[in-house]
Amino acid sequence: MATRILALDYGTKRIGVALSDELGWTAQPLETLERRTLDRDLAHIQQLVNVHDVREVVIGLPLRLNGEEGPAVQAVHMFVDRLGEILSVPIVMWDERMTTRSAEELLIAADVSRRKRKGVVDRVAAAILLQGYLEAKTAAGGSGEEHRSAQETEEEWVESSSIDQSHDGSWDPHHRRHSRRARRGGRLSNDSMG
């Protein structure tokens, strides 16, 4: 029985991939897929779904800050259409505003070099996206609570992460709280979450 959820942070050059635990509580960065051809990318994602016993795929929907769709959203829709042709599991599109930027800030705060950040930022963004989705899914378990955006969940994810602050000890995970709380996101699909 499939138990895990796979998240994709879609990009034109790279796709960040994250995977949930079997209980659907936590998200972990899995890999960064360097884009080659659409067919190759789709085949690789299909392989990940099979190998990791995935029951659902979540893909980030890069809305503009004001919530409107832009050209990047159209590319994601086309990718999801093709992905849906080969996968037999549900695909959920989820608001991913600011996840890549948040991942970049997290890695900078953790003193990860620019060179290493380039290789991991997309998978960390996918993990932030997935953690937000998992928490919203848990909260929606019949309670009717509001779904939170990836940005709001990322804040809590960063706070609970074990980040090495020894380089100067000055990192403050609360420095962006006020601006991020003002932005809202939420569920963007008609899945079984309600």
Foldseek 3Di string as FASTA:
>chain_A
DAAKEWEWEDDPFKIWIWMAPRPLQAIDTDFIGGDDDLVVVLVVVQVVCVVRSHQEYEYEQAAPQVRHHDPVNVVVVVSVVVSVVPDPHYYFYAHLYCLLVLLVVLCVQLVNDPVVCVGCSNSSSRRLQSNLVSVQLVCLPVPPDFRFHSLVSSLVVSVPDDRDNVVPVPDDSCPCVVVSVVGGTGGDDDDPSD
